[in-house]
Amino acid sequence: MTFLVTGGAGFIGSHVCERLLLEGHRVWMLDDLNDFYDPLIMRQNLSALQALNRPFKFVTGDLTNAHAVNGLFSAVRFD
């Protein structure tokens, strides 16, 4: 299955992404990497997910940006 995880670079989101990837799913992450949560930690979480060498795509964006979200949904079919 193909999943979209929003806010995936944070603590909870990165663990959700990791679990999905290890279970064999394709994961797309949408995150704007804002400073609400330490950006260094978010970048480390992102690097760790990329290092899993699984079907993972990171998209920089904000969930409140309808144009970015609509573009993602028109480009990718999520389950």
Protein backbone atom coordinates (compact mmCIF):
# COMPACT_ATOMS: atom_id res chain seq x y z
CA MET A 1 0.00 0.00 0.00
CA THR A 2 1.00 3.61 -0.49
CA PHE A 3 0.64 5.94 2.48
CA LEU A 4 0.95 9.69 2.98
CA VAL A 5 2.19 10.70 6.42
CA THR A 6 1.85 14.38 7.21
CA GLY A 7 4.21 15.84 9.77
CA GLY A 8 6.32 12.75 9.23
CA ALA A 9 9.65 14.22 10.32
CA GLY A 10 8.54 14.73 13.92
CA PHE A 11 8.69 12.17 16.70
CA ILE A 12 5.39 10.36 16.13
CA GLY A 13 5.33 10.78 12.37
CA SER A 14 8.85 9.43 11.87
CA HIS A 15 8.01 6.34 13.90
CA VAL A 16 4.84 5.81 11.88
CA CYS A 17 6.86 6.11 8.66
CA GLU A 18 9.50 3.70 9.93
CA ARG A 19 6.91 1.09 10.90
CA LEU A 20 5.11 1.34 7.57
CA LEU A 21 8.36 1.07 5.63
CA LEU A 22 9.55 -1.94 7.62
CA GLU A 23 6.19 -3.60 6.96
CA GLY A 24 6.85 -3.24 3.23
CA HIS A 25 4.65 -0.26 2.37
CA ARG A 26 5.48 2.74 0.18
CA VAL A 27 5.56 5.96 2.18
CA TRP A 28 5.35 9.58 1.15
CA MET A 29 6.05 12.17 3.82
CA LEU A 30 4.78 15.74 3.74
CA ASP A 31 6.46 18.06 6.23
CA ASP A 32 7.45 21.70 6.24
CA LEU A 33 10.28 21.12 8.75
CA ASN A 34 9.17 24.12 10.82
CA ASP A 35 10.82 25.01 14.11
CA PHE A 36 7.93 23.90 16.36
CA TYR A 37 9.98 20.71 16.86
CA ASP A 38 13.79 20.93 16.74
CA PRO A 39 14.67 21.09 12.99
CA LEU A 40 17.95 19.25 13.63
CA ILE A 41 16.08 16.30 15.13
CA MET A 42 13.59 16.34 12.24
CA ARG A 43 16.45 16.25 9.72
CA GLN A 44 18.03 13.35 11.63
CA ASN A 45 14.68 11.51 11.56
CA LEU A 46 14.41 12.17 7.83
CA SER A 47 17.96 10.90 7.21
CA ALA A 48 17.29 7.75 9.23
CA LEU A 49 14.20 7.01 7.14
CA GLN A 50 16.07 7.61 3.89
CA ALA A 51 18.85 5.29 5.09
CA LEU A 52 16.37 2.41 5.33
CA ASN A 53 16.59 2.27 1.52
CA ARG A 54 12.88 1.54 1.17
CA PRO A 55 10.26 3.13 -1.11
CA PHE A 56 10.19 6.51 0.62
CA LYS A 57 9.63 9.99 -0.78
CA PHE A 58 9.92 13.25 1.12
CA VAL A 59 7.99 16.33 0.01
CA THR A 60 8.60 19.68 1.64
CA GLY A 61 5.26 21.34 2.21
CA ASP A 62 2.61 22.51 4.60
CA LEU A 63 -0.65 20.61 5.05
CA THR A 64 -2.51 23.92 5.13
CA ASN A 65 -1.32 24.74 1.60
CA ALA A 66 -4.21 23.42 -0.49
CA HIS A 67 -2.27 23.84 -3.76
CA ALA A 68 0.61 21.67 -2.53
CA VAL A 69 -1.71 19.01 -1.10
CA ASN A 70 -3.91 18.91 -4.23
CA GLY A 71 -0.80 18.62 -6.39
CA LEU A 72 0.44 15.69 -4.35
CA PHE A 73 -2.93 13.92 -4.52
CA SER A 74 -3.11 14.42 -8.27
CA ALA A 75 0.40 13.03 -8.75
CA VAL A 76 0.18 10.02 -6.44
CA ARG A 77 -2.56 7.54 -5.67
CA PHE A 78 -2.60 6.88 -1.92
CA ASP A 79 -4.38 3.96 -0.33
